Structures are given as C-alpha cells and as structure tokens.
N, C-alpha and C. Protein backbone atom coordinates (compact mmCIF):
# COMPACT_ATOMS: atom_id res chain seq x y z
N MET A 1 -76.16 128.82 -23.67
CA MET A 1 -77.42 128.22 -24.06
C MET A 1 -77.16 126.75 -24.37
N SER A 2 -77.88 125.87 -23.71
CA SER A 2 -77.69 124.44 -23.92
C SER A 2 -79.00 123.75 -24.29
N VAL A 3 -79.88 124.48 -24.94
CA VAL A 3 -81.16 123.92 -25.37
C VAL A 3 -81.10 123.56 -26.85
N ARG A 4 -82.05 122.77 -27.29
CA ARG A 4 -82.19 122.47 -28.72
C ARG A 4 -83.41 123.22 -29.21
N THR A 5 -83.29 123.85 -30.39
CA THR A 5 -84.33 124.76 -30.87
C THR A 5 -84.81 124.38 -32.26
N VAL A 6 -86.14 124.48 -32.44
CA VAL A 6 -86.79 124.39 -33.75
C VAL A 6 -87.63 125.66 -33.88
N CYS A 7 -87.69 126.22 -35.09
CA CYS A 7 -88.43 127.46 -35.29
C CYS A 7 -89.61 127.26 -36.23
N LEU A 8 -90.64 128.06 -36.02
CA LEU A 8 -91.81 128.10 -36.91
C LEU A 8 -91.96 129.52 -37.42
N GLY A 9 -92.37 129.67 -38.67
CA GLY A 9 -92.60 130.99 -39.25
C GLY A 9 -91.33 131.64 -39.77
N TRP A 10 -90.42 131.92 -38.88
CA TRP A 10 -89.10 132.48 -39.20
C TRP A 10 -88.07 131.66 -38.45
N HIS A 11 -86.89 131.52 -39.03
CA HIS A 11 -85.78 130.84 -38.36
C HIS A 11 -84.92 131.88 -37.68
N TRP A 12 -84.75 131.70 -36.37
CA TRP A 12 -83.91 132.63 -35.63
C TRP A 12 -82.50 132.07 -35.52
N GLN A 13 -81.55 132.94 -35.76
CA GLN A 13 -80.16 132.69 -35.41
C GLN A 13 -79.67 134.00 -34.84
N PRO A 14 -78.61 133.98 -34.05
CA PRO A 14 -78.24 135.23 -33.37
C PRO A 14 -78.21 136.45 -34.29
N TYR A 15 -78.98 137.44 -33.88
CA TYR A 15 -79.03 138.76 -34.50
C TYR A 15 -79.83 138.84 -35.79
N LYS A 16 -80.51 137.74 -36.20
CA LYS A 16 -81.32 137.86 -37.42
C LYS A 16 -82.33 136.72 -37.53
N TYR A 17 -83.33 136.98 -38.36
CA TYR A 17 -84.33 135.99 -38.73
C TYR A 17 -84.24 135.75 -40.23
N THR A 18 -84.45 134.51 -40.64
CA THR A 18 -84.49 134.16 -42.06
C THR A 18 -85.65 133.18 -42.27
N ARG A 19 -86.08 133.03 -43.51
CA ARG A 19 -87.15 132.06 -43.82
C ARG A 19 -86.59 130.66 -43.99
N ASP A 20 -85.28 130.55 -44.24
CA ASP A 20 -84.63 129.26 -44.40
C ASP A 20 -83.64 129.06 -43.26
N ALA A 21 -83.51 127.81 -42.83
CA ALA A 21 -82.59 127.48 -41.74
C ALA A 21 -81.18 127.38 -42.29
N THR A 22 -80.65 128.52 -42.72
CA THR A 22 -79.36 128.56 -43.41
C THR A 22 -78.19 128.08 -42.56
N ASP A 23 -78.28 128.18 -41.26
CA ASP A 23 -77.19 127.75 -40.39
C ASP A 23 -77.33 126.30 -39.93
N VAL A 24 -78.42 125.63 -40.35
CA VAL A 24 -78.65 124.25 -39.92
C VAL A 24 -78.62 123.32 -41.12
N ASN A 25 -79.70 123.37 -41.94
CA ASN A 25 -79.80 122.46 -43.07
C ASN A 25 -80.29 123.13 -44.35
N GLY A 26 -80.53 124.42 -44.30
CA GLY A 26 -80.94 125.16 -45.48
C GLY A 26 -82.39 125.01 -45.88
N THR A 27 -83.17 124.22 -45.15
CA THR A 27 -84.56 124.02 -45.53
C THR A 27 -85.45 125.16 -45.08
N ARG A 28 -86.56 125.30 -45.77
CA ARG A 28 -87.55 126.32 -45.47
C ARG A 28 -88.19 126.03 -44.11
N VAL A 29 -88.40 127.07 -43.32
CA VAL A 29 -89.04 126.93 -42.02
C VAL A 29 -90.54 126.72 -42.22
N LEU A 30 -91.12 125.84 -41.41
CA LEU A 30 -92.56 125.60 -41.49
C LEU A 30 -93.34 126.87 -41.19
N GLU A 31 -94.51 126.99 -41.80
CA GLU A 31 -95.37 128.15 -41.57
C GLU A 31 -95.80 128.23 -40.11
N PHE A 32 -96.11 129.43 -39.67
CA PHE A 32 -96.60 129.65 -38.32
C PHE A 32 -98.08 129.26 -38.29
N PRO A 33 -98.47 128.33 -37.40
CA PRO A 33 -99.85 127.83 -37.42
C PRO A 33 -100.86 128.82 -36.84
N GLU A 34 -102.03 128.83 -37.43
CA GLU A 34 -103.11 129.72 -37.00
C GLU A 34 -103.53 129.45 -35.55
N TRP A 35 -103.50 128.19 -35.12
CA TRP A 35 -103.90 127.90 -33.74
C TRP A 35 -102.97 128.59 -32.75
N MET A 36 -101.70 128.77 -33.14
CA MET A 36 -100.77 129.46 -32.25
C MET A 36 -101.06 130.96 -32.21
N VAL A 37 -101.47 131.52 -33.34
CA VAL A 37 -101.89 132.93 -33.34
C VAL A 37 -103.03 133.11 -32.34
N GLN A 38 -104.02 132.22 -32.41
CA GLN A 38 -105.17 132.30 -31.52
C GLN A 38 -104.76 132.12 -30.06
N LEU A 39 -103.84 131.20 -29.79
CA LEU A 39 -103.34 131.00 -28.43
C LEU A 39 -102.65 132.26 -27.91
N GLY A 40 -101.83 132.87 -28.76
CA GLY A 40 -101.15 134.10 -28.36
C GLY A 40 -102.13 135.22 -28.03
N ARG A 41 -103.16 135.36 -28.85
CA ARG A 41 -104.18 136.39 -28.58
C ARG A 41 -104.91 136.12 -27.27
N ARG A 42 -105.27 134.86 -27.07
CA ARG A 42 -105.98 134.50 -25.84
C ARG A 42 -105.09 134.73 -24.62
N ALA A 43 -103.81 134.43 -24.74
CA ALA A 43 -102.88 134.64 -23.62
C ALA A 43 -102.83 136.11 -23.22
N LEU A 44 -102.82 137.01 -24.21
CA LEU A 44 -102.78 138.44 -23.89
C LEU A 44 -104.05 138.88 -23.18
N VAL A 45 -105.18 138.35 -23.61
CA VAL A 45 -106.45 138.68 -22.95
C VAL A 45 -106.44 138.18 -21.51
N GLU A 46 -106.03 136.91 -21.32
CA GLU A 46 -106.01 136.33 -19.98
C GLU A 46 -105.02 137.05 -19.06
N ALA A 47 -103.85 137.39 -19.58
CA ALA A 47 -102.82 138.03 -18.76
C ALA A 47 -103.21 139.44 -18.35
N SER A 48 -103.92 140.14 -19.22
CA SER A 48 -104.24 141.54 -18.94
C SER A 48 -105.63 141.75 -18.35
N GLY A 49 -106.53 140.78 -18.57
CA GLY A 49 -107.92 140.97 -18.16
C GLY A 49 -108.68 141.89 -19.08
N ASP A 50 -108.06 142.31 -20.17
CA ASP A 50 -108.68 143.21 -21.14
C ASP A 50 -109.15 142.39 -22.34
N PRO A 51 -110.46 142.33 -22.60
CA PRO A 51 -110.98 141.51 -23.69
C PRO A 51 -110.46 141.91 -25.08
N SER A 52 -109.94 143.10 -25.21
CA SER A 52 -109.44 143.54 -26.52
C SER A 52 -107.91 143.50 -26.61
N ALA A 53 -107.23 142.99 -25.58
CA ALA A 53 -105.77 143.00 -25.55
C ALA A 53 -105.15 142.21 -26.69
N GLY A 54 -105.83 141.18 -27.18
CA GLY A 54 -105.28 140.36 -28.26
C GLY A 54 -105.59 140.89 -29.65
N ASP A 55 -106.45 141.91 -29.73
CA ASP A 55 -106.80 142.46 -31.04
C ASP A 55 -105.54 142.98 -31.74
N GLY A 56 -105.32 142.51 -32.94
CA GLY A 56 -104.18 142.98 -33.71
C GLY A 56 -102.88 142.28 -33.38
N TYR A 57 -102.87 141.40 -32.38
CA TYR A 57 -101.65 140.65 -32.06
C TYR A 57 -101.57 139.45 -32.99
N THR A 58 -100.57 139.46 -33.84
CA THR A 58 -100.40 138.36 -34.80
C THR A 58 -98.96 137.89 -34.78
N PRO A 59 -98.64 136.99 -33.85
CA PRO A 59 -97.28 136.45 -33.82
C PRO A 59 -96.99 135.72 -35.13
N ASP A 60 -95.77 135.83 -35.60
CA ASP A 60 -95.41 135.20 -36.87
C ASP A 60 -94.19 134.30 -36.76
N THR A 61 -93.67 134.15 -35.53
CA THR A 61 -92.57 133.23 -35.31
C THR A 61 -92.68 132.61 -33.93
N ALA A 62 -92.19 131.40 -33.83
CA ALA A 62 -92.11 130.72 -32.53
C ALA A 62 -90.78 130.01 -32.45
N LEU A 63 -90.11 130.17 -31.33
CA LEU A 63 -88.93 129.38 -31.02
C LEU A 63 -89.39 128.28 -30.08
N VAL A 64 -89.20 127.05 -30.50
CA VAL A 64 -89.59 125.89 -29.71
C VAL A 64 -88.31 125.30 -29.14
N ASN A 65 -88.10 125.48 -27.84
CA ASN A 65 -86.87 125.06 -27.19
C ASN A 65 -87.10 123.81 -26.35
N PHE A 66 -86.21 122.83 -26.50
CA PHE A 66 -86.25 121.64 -25.64
C PHE A 66 -85.11 121.71 -24.64
N TYR A 67 -85.46 121.53 -23.37
CA TYR A 67 -84.50 121.53 -22.28
C TYR A 67 -84.44 120.12 -21.70
N ASP A 68 -83.26 119.51 -21.68
CA ASP A 68 -83.11 118.26 -20.95
C ASP A 68 -82.83 118.60 -19.49
N ASP A 69 -82.49 117.60 -18.69
CA ASP A 69 -82.33 117.81 -17.25
C ASP A 69 -81.26 118.82 -16.86
N VAL A 70 -80.26 119.00 -17.70
CA VAL A 70 -79.15 119.89 -17.35
C VAL A 70 -79.09 121.16 -18.20
N ALA A 71 -80.05 121.35 -19.08
CA ALA A 71 -80.03 122.51 -19.97
C ALA A 71 -80.28 123.80 -19.19
N ARG A 72 -79.70 124.87 -19.71
CA ARG A 72 -79.86 126.21 -19.14
C ARG A 72 -79.95 127.20 -20.28
N MET A 73 -80.42 128.39 -19.97
CA MET A 73 -80.36 129.50 -20.93
C MET A 73 -79.99 130.74 -20.14
N GLY A 74 -78.86 131.33 -20.49
CA GLY A 74 -78.38 132.50 -19.78
C GLY A 74 -79.28 133.72 -19.95
N MET A 75 -79.07 134.68 -19.11
CA MET A 75 -79.85 135.92 -19.16
C MET A 75 -79.62 136.62 -20.50
N HIS A 76 -80.72 136.99 -21.16
CA HIS A 76 -80.65 137.64 -22.47
C HIS A 76 -81.91 138.47 -22.68
N GLN A 77 -81.88 139.33 -23.67
CA GLN A 77 -83.05 140.08 -24.09
C GLN A 77 -83.51 139.52 -25.43
N ASP A 78 -84.82 139.51 -25.66
CA ASP A 78 -85.36 139.16 -26.97
C ASP A 78 -85.48 140.47 -27.76
N ARG A 79 -84.40 140.82 -28.45
CA ARG A 79 -84.38 142.12 -29.12
C ARG A 79 -84.04 142.03 -30.61
N ASP A 80 -84.10 140.84 -31.18
CA ASP A 80 -83.81 140.69 -32.61
C ASP A 80 -85.03 140.97 -33.48
N GLU A 81 -86.17 141.22 -32.85
CA GLU A 81 -87.39 141.53 -33.60
C GLU A 81 -87.48 143.04 -33.86
N ARG A 82 -88.09 143.39 -34.97
CA ARG A 82 -88.34 144.81 -35.26
C ARG A 82 -89.53 145.32 -34.46
N SER A 83 -90.40 144.43 -34.06
CA SER A 83 -91.60 144.78 -33.31
C SER A 83 -91.35 144.61 -31.82
N LEU A 84 -91.96 145.46 -31.03
CA LEU A 84 -91.90 145.33 -29.58
C LEU A 84 -93.22 144.78 -29.02
N ALA A 85 -93.98 144.07 -29.88
CA ALA A 85 -95.20 143.41 -29.41
C ALA A 85 -94.81 142.39 -28.34
N PRO A 86 -95.73 142.06 -27.45
CA PRO A 86 -95.40 141.14 -26.35
C PRO A 86 -94.88 139.78 -26.82
N VAL A 87 -94.12 139.15 -25.94
CA VAL A 87 -93.67 137.77 -26.11
C VAL A 87 -94.58 136.90 -25.26
N VAL A 88 -95.08 135.82 -25.86
CA VAL A 88 -95.92 134.87 -25.15
C VAL A 88 -95.16 133.56 -25.06
N SER A 89 -95.00 133.04 -23.86
CA SER A 89 -94.20 131.85 -23.61
C SER A 89 -95.07 130.77 -22.97
N LEU A 90 -95.07 129.56 -23.56
CA LEU A 90 -95.83 128.43 -23.05
C LEU A 90 -94.87 127.34 -22.61
N SER A 91 -95.05 126.83 -21.38
CA SER A 91 -94.21 125.78 -20.83
C SER A 91 -94.94 124.44 -20.85
N ILE A 92 -94.22 123.38 -21.26
CA ILE A 92 -94.77 122.03 -21.26
C ILE A 92 -93.70 121.10 -20.69
N GLY A 93 -94.09 120.22 -19.76
CA GLY A 93 -93.15 119.25 -19.22
C GLY A 93 -92.63 119.65 -17.86
N ASP A 94 -91.34 119.35 -17.64
CA ASP A 94 -90.72 119.61 -16.34
C ASP A 94 -90.78 121.08 -15.96
N THR A 95 -90.92 121.31 -14.67
CA THR A 95 -90.88 122.66 -14.11
C THR A 95 -89.48 123.25 -14.28
N CYS A 96 -89.42 124.55 -14.50
CA CYS A 96 -88.12 125.22 -14.55
C CYS A 96 -88.12 126.41 -13.61
N GLN A 97 -86.91 126.85 -13.28
CA GLN A 97 -86.74 128.11 -12.57
C GLN A 97 -86.43 129.15 -13.63
N PHE A 98 -87.33 130.09 -13.80
CA PHE A 98 -87.22 131.14 -14.80
C PHE A 98 -86.81 132.40 -14.09
N ARG A 99 -85.76 133.02 -14.56
CA ARG A 99 -85.26 134.27 -13.96
C ARG A 99 -85.71 135.43 -14.84
N PHE A 100 -86.49 136.34 -14.26
CA PHE A 100 -87.01 137.49 -14.98
C PHE A 100 -86.43 138.75 -14.36
N GLY A 101 -85.68 139.50 -15.17
CA GLY A 101 -84.92 140.61 -14.63
C GLY A 101 -85.37 141.98 -15.07
N ASN A 102 -84.42 142.87 -15.09
CA ASN A 102 -84.65 144.26 -15.44
C ASN A 102 -84.28 144.49 -16.91
N THR A 103 -84.50 145.69 -17.40
CA THR A 103 -84.23 146.00 -18.82
C THR A 103 -82.85 146.62 -19.04
N THR A 104 -82.10 146.81 -17.98
CA THR A 104 -80.81 147.49 -18.08
C THR A 104 -79.63 146.55 -18.22
N ASN A 105 -79.62 145.48 -17.41
CA ASN A 105 -78.47 144.56 -17.41
C ASN A 105 -78.90 143.19 -16.91
N ARG A 106 -77.95 142.25 -16.90
CA ARG A 106 -78.22 140.87 -16.49
C ARG A 106 -78.20 140.69 -14.98
N ASN A 107 -77.86 141.72 -14.26
CA ASN A 107 -77.71 141.64 -12.81
C ASN A 107 -79.02 141.93 -12.09
N ARG A 108 -78.96 141.93 -10.78
CA ARG A 108 -80.14 142.28 -9.98
C ARG A 108 -80.58 143.70 -10.29
N PRO A 109 -81.83 144.00 -10.15
CA PRO A 109 -82.88 143.14 -9.60
C PRO A 109 -83.44 142.16 -10.62
N TYR A 110 -83.74 140.96 -10.14
CA TYR A 110 -84.46 139.96 -10.92
C TYR A 110 -85.28 139.13 -9.94
N GLU A 111 -86.19 138.36 -10.51
CA GLU A 111 -87.04 137.49 -9.70
C GLU A 111 -86.97 136.09 -10.29
N ASP A 112 -86.84 135.09 -9.44
CA ASP A 112 -86.88 133.70 -9.86
C ASP A 112 -88.30 133.18 -9.69
N ILE A 113 -88.84 132.63 -10.77
CA ILE A 113 -90.22 132.17 -10.82
C ILE A 113 -90.23 130.73 -11.30
N ASP A 114 -90.92 129.84 -10.61
CA ASP A 114 -91.09 128.48 -11.09
C ASP A 114 -92.20 128.46 -12.13
N LEU A 115 -91.88 127.96 -13.33
CA LEU A 115 -92.87 127.80 -14.38
C LEU A 115 -93.19 126.31 -14.51
N PHE A 116 -94.47 125.99 -14.36
CA PHE A 116 -94.94 124.62 -14.39
C PHE A 116 -95.51 124.29 -15.77
N SER A 117 -95.68 123.02 -16.04
CA SER A 117 -96.28 122.59 -17.30
C SER A 117 -97.66 123.22 -17.46
N GLY A 118 -97.89 123.84 -18.60
CA GLY A 118 -99.16 124.51 -18.86
C GLY A 118 -99.15 125.99 -18.56
N ASP A 119 -98.11 126.49 -17.92
CA ASP A 119 -98.03 127.92 -17.60
C ASP A 119 -97.77 128.74 -18.85
N LEU A 120 -98.45 129.87 -18.93
CA LEU A 120 -98.18 130.89 -19.94
C LEU A 120 -97.54 132.07 -19.23
N PHE A 121 -96.50 132.61 -19.82
CA PHE A 121 -95.83 133.79 -19.28
C PHE A 121 -95.79 134.82 -20.39
N VAL A 122 -96.32 136.00 -20.12
CA VAL A 122 -96.39 137.07 -21.13
C VAL A 122 -95.57 138.24 -20.64
N PHE A 123 -94.69 138.76 -21.53
CA PHE A 123 -94.02 140.00 -21.17
C PHE A 123 -94.04 140.96 -22.35
N GLY A 124 -94.51 142.16 -22.02
CA GLY A 124 -94.65 143.21 -23.02
C GLY A 124 -94.58 144.56 -22.34
N GLY A 125 -94.91 145.59 -23.10
CA GLY A 125 -94.87 146.94 -22.54
C GLY A 125 -93.50 147.27 -22.01
N ALA A 126 -93.44 147.84 -20.80
CA ALA A 126 -92.17 148.25 -20.20
C ALA A 126 -91.25 147.06 -19.92
N SER A 127 -91.80 145.85 -19.85
CA SER A 127 -91.00 144.66 -19.56
C SER A 127 -90.58 143.89 -20.81
N ARG A 128 -90.98 144.36 -21.99
CA ARG A 128 -90.72 143.61 -23.22
C ARG A 128 -89.23 143.29 -23.42
N LEU A 129 -88.36 144.19 -23.05
CA LEU A 129 -86.92 143.97 -23.24
C LEU A 129 -86.21 143.58 -21.94
N ALA A 130 -86.96 143.00 -21.02
CA ALA A 130 -86.34 142.55 -19.76
C ALA A 130 -85.41 141.37 -20.04
N TYR A 131 -84.29 141.37 -19.36
CA TYR A 131 -83.40 140.22 -19.41
C TYR A 131 -84.09 139.05 -18.72
N HIS A 132 -83.90 137.86 -19.26
CA HIS A 132 -84.53 136.68 -18.70
C HIS A 132 -83.74 135.44 -19.09
N GLY A 133 -83.95 134.35 -18.37
CA GLY A 133 -83.26 133.10 -18.67
C GLY A 133 -83.81 131.96 -17.84
N VAL A 134 -83.31 130.77 -18.08
CA VAL A 134 -83.70 129.58 -17.34
C VAL A 134 -82.47 129.10 -16.58
N THR A 135 -82.57 129.09 -15.26
CA THR A 135 -81.42 128.74 -14.44
C THR A 135 -81.40 127.29 -13.99
N LYS A 136 -82.57 126.62 -14.02
CA LYS A 136 -82.61 125.25 -13.53
C LYS A 136 -83.85 124.54 -14.07
N ILE A 137 -83.68 123.24 -14.35
CA ILE A 137 -84.79 122.35 -14.67
C ILE A 137 -84.96 121.41 -13.49
N PHE A 138 -86.20 121.14 -13.11
CA PHE A 138 -86.49 120.21 -12.02
C PHE A 138 -86.94 118.88 -12.63
N PRO A 139 -85.99 117.94 -12.82
CA PRO A 139 -86.32 116.67 -13.48
C PRO A 139 -87.42 115.89 -12.74
N GLY A 140 -88.24 115.20 -13.54
CA GLY A 140 -89.27 114.35 -12.96
C GLY A 140 -90.50 115.07 -12.49
N THR A 141 -90.67 116.35 -12.85
CA THR A 141 -91.83 117.11 -12.38
C THR A 141 -92.91 117.25 -13.45
N ALA A 142 -92.69 116.72 -14.62
CA ALA A 142 -93.69 116.82 -15.70
C ALA A 142 -94.92 116.00 -15.35
N PRO A 143 -96.11 116.52 -15.61
CA PRO A 143 -97.32 115.72 -15.40
C PRO A 143 -97.30 114.49 -16.32
N LEU A 144 -97.88 113.40 -15.86
CA LEU A 144 -97.87 112.16 -16.63
C LEU A 144 -98.55 112.31 -17.99
N ASP A 145 -99.52 113.19 -18.10
CA ASP A 145 -100.30 113.31 -19.33
C ASP A 145 -99.86 114.46 -20.24
N CYS A 146 -98.66 115.00 -20.05
CA CYS A 146 -98.24 116.16 -20.84
C CYS A 146 -97.61 115.79 -22.19
N GLY A 147 -97.34 114.51 -22.40
CA GLY A 147 -96.76 114.09 -23.68
C GLY A 147 -95.25 113.98 -23.67
N LEU A 148 -94.61 114.33 -22.57
CA LEU A 148 -93.16 114.21 -22.45
C LEU A 148 -92.82 113.27 -21.30
N GLU A 149 -91.92 112.35 -21.55
CA GLU A 149 -91.46 111.49 -20.46
C GLU A 149 -90.48 112.23 -19.56
N SER A 150 -89.70 113.12 -20.16
CA SER A 150 -88.75 113.92 -19.39
C SER A 150 -88.44 115.17 -20.18
N GLY A 151 -87.89 116.16 -19.49
CA GLY A 151 -87.50 117.40 -20.14
C GLY A 151 -88.62 118.42 -20.17
N ARG A 152 -88.31 119.50 -20.83
CA ARG A 152 -89.24 120.64 -20.90
C ARG A 152 -89.22 121.21 -22.30
N VAL A 153 -90.39 121.53 -22.81
CA VAL A 153 -90.51 122.26 -24.07
C VAL A 153 -91.07 123.63 -23.73
N ASN A 154 -90.44 124.64 -24.30
CA ASN A 154 -90.93 126.01 -24.14
C ASN A 154 -91.15 126.57 -25.53
N ILE A 155 -92.33 127.14 -25.73
CA ILE A 155 -92.67 127.76 -27.02
C ILE A 155 -92.81 129.25 -26.77
N THR A 156 -91.97 130.06 -27.43
CA THR A 156 -92.10 131.51 -27.31
C THR A 156 -92.57 132.07 -28.64
N MET A 157 -93.71 132.74 -28.58
CA MET A 157 -94.28 133.37 -29.77
C MET A 157 -93.93 134.85 -29.76
N ARG A 158 -93.59 135.35 -30.96
CA ARG A 158 -93.20 136.75 -31.10
C ARG A 158 -93.71 137.30 -32.42
N VAL A 159 -93.73 138.61 -32.50
CA VAL A 159 -94.02 139.30 -33.75
C VAL A 159 -92.69 139.86 -34.24
N THR A 160 -92.23 139.41 -35.42
CA THR A 160 -90.92 139.88 -35.90
C THR A 160 -90.99 141.29 -36.45
N GLY A 161 -92.14 141.68 -37.00
CA GLY A 161 -92.23 142.97 -37.68
C GLY A 161 -91.64 142.93 -39.08
N MET A 162 -91.41 141.73 -39.60
CA MET A 162 -90.82 141.55 -40.94
C MET A 162 -91.88 141.01 -41.89
N ASP A 163 -91.62 141.19 -43.19
CA ASP A 163 -92.54 140.68 -44.22
C ASP A 163 -92.08 139.35 -44.75
C-alpha cells in the first residue's frame, strides 16, 4: 500500500478501529459527517434501483485515501468491520484501474475496471468480502473542475458495527 490515508468517524489501522489515531499522532478522529451518511444511502439506492435500499444504512467511518501518480493498493478484503453492510467508494481526480476479485483469494477470477472522477462503486451482499485493489493510476486524467491538480482521492464509507 503506497497511499496516504485520513480517517473520519473511526481511525483504521491494520486489524482494528480506534477513536484516536494512536499510531499517528494520538488525536481524536473527526466525526463522520451527516452529508456522507446521506451520500452512502443515495449510492445504495442508485446502485440497486431499490428506493428503500439505503434505509437503515448508516456508515460511521470513512477512509480517505490519496493516490499520487505511482501509488498502488494491493489486493485485500475489507474485513476489519464487525458489520457486513455494503462498502460505498467514491472516486475523485485521476482515473484508476480498480481490480475487483473473488471472495476466496487474491488470484483470478478478477475484473479490472477503470474508475473515473465522480464514480461511485458499491459492493455488498455476496461481494462484500471480495478481494480488491488499485493496480494503476492514469496521471493527468482528472477533470479540470474536480479540485485536484493531480492524483486521486478515494473515499470508502463503511459501517464498523462498533459503538
């Protein structure tokens, strides 16, 4: 993993979540914003076509990852949460090649998907524990009005299932 990460709601570090960034600077993590809860709910409705799909979906953490031109993220599962509620991912900036795989291992079968600025990617249900990663960033592909001169920001919203 060669990205830089900031967390909202809960601070993620491998295999656990905490309210304080104990492995960075010890400060309290900022609260999870209500507008992001609403975005997550809307994403579930849009992805499924079911007007009630977002009912009860209340993400309480977001990992905000910045990818520069050479950053990558290896194949992994998002399994540190107690909840198996869907993961909602929002891309801003440069296009990336996102690899979405199976739930058994990091190997094939998988599919490479280009995610563009503004794309939402939702995975839940049988795909919630699918291995996934970012294999490539396409520098210079960010729209001029996205707020980034270069690089990519990815926001993944999740439900931790913690109090």
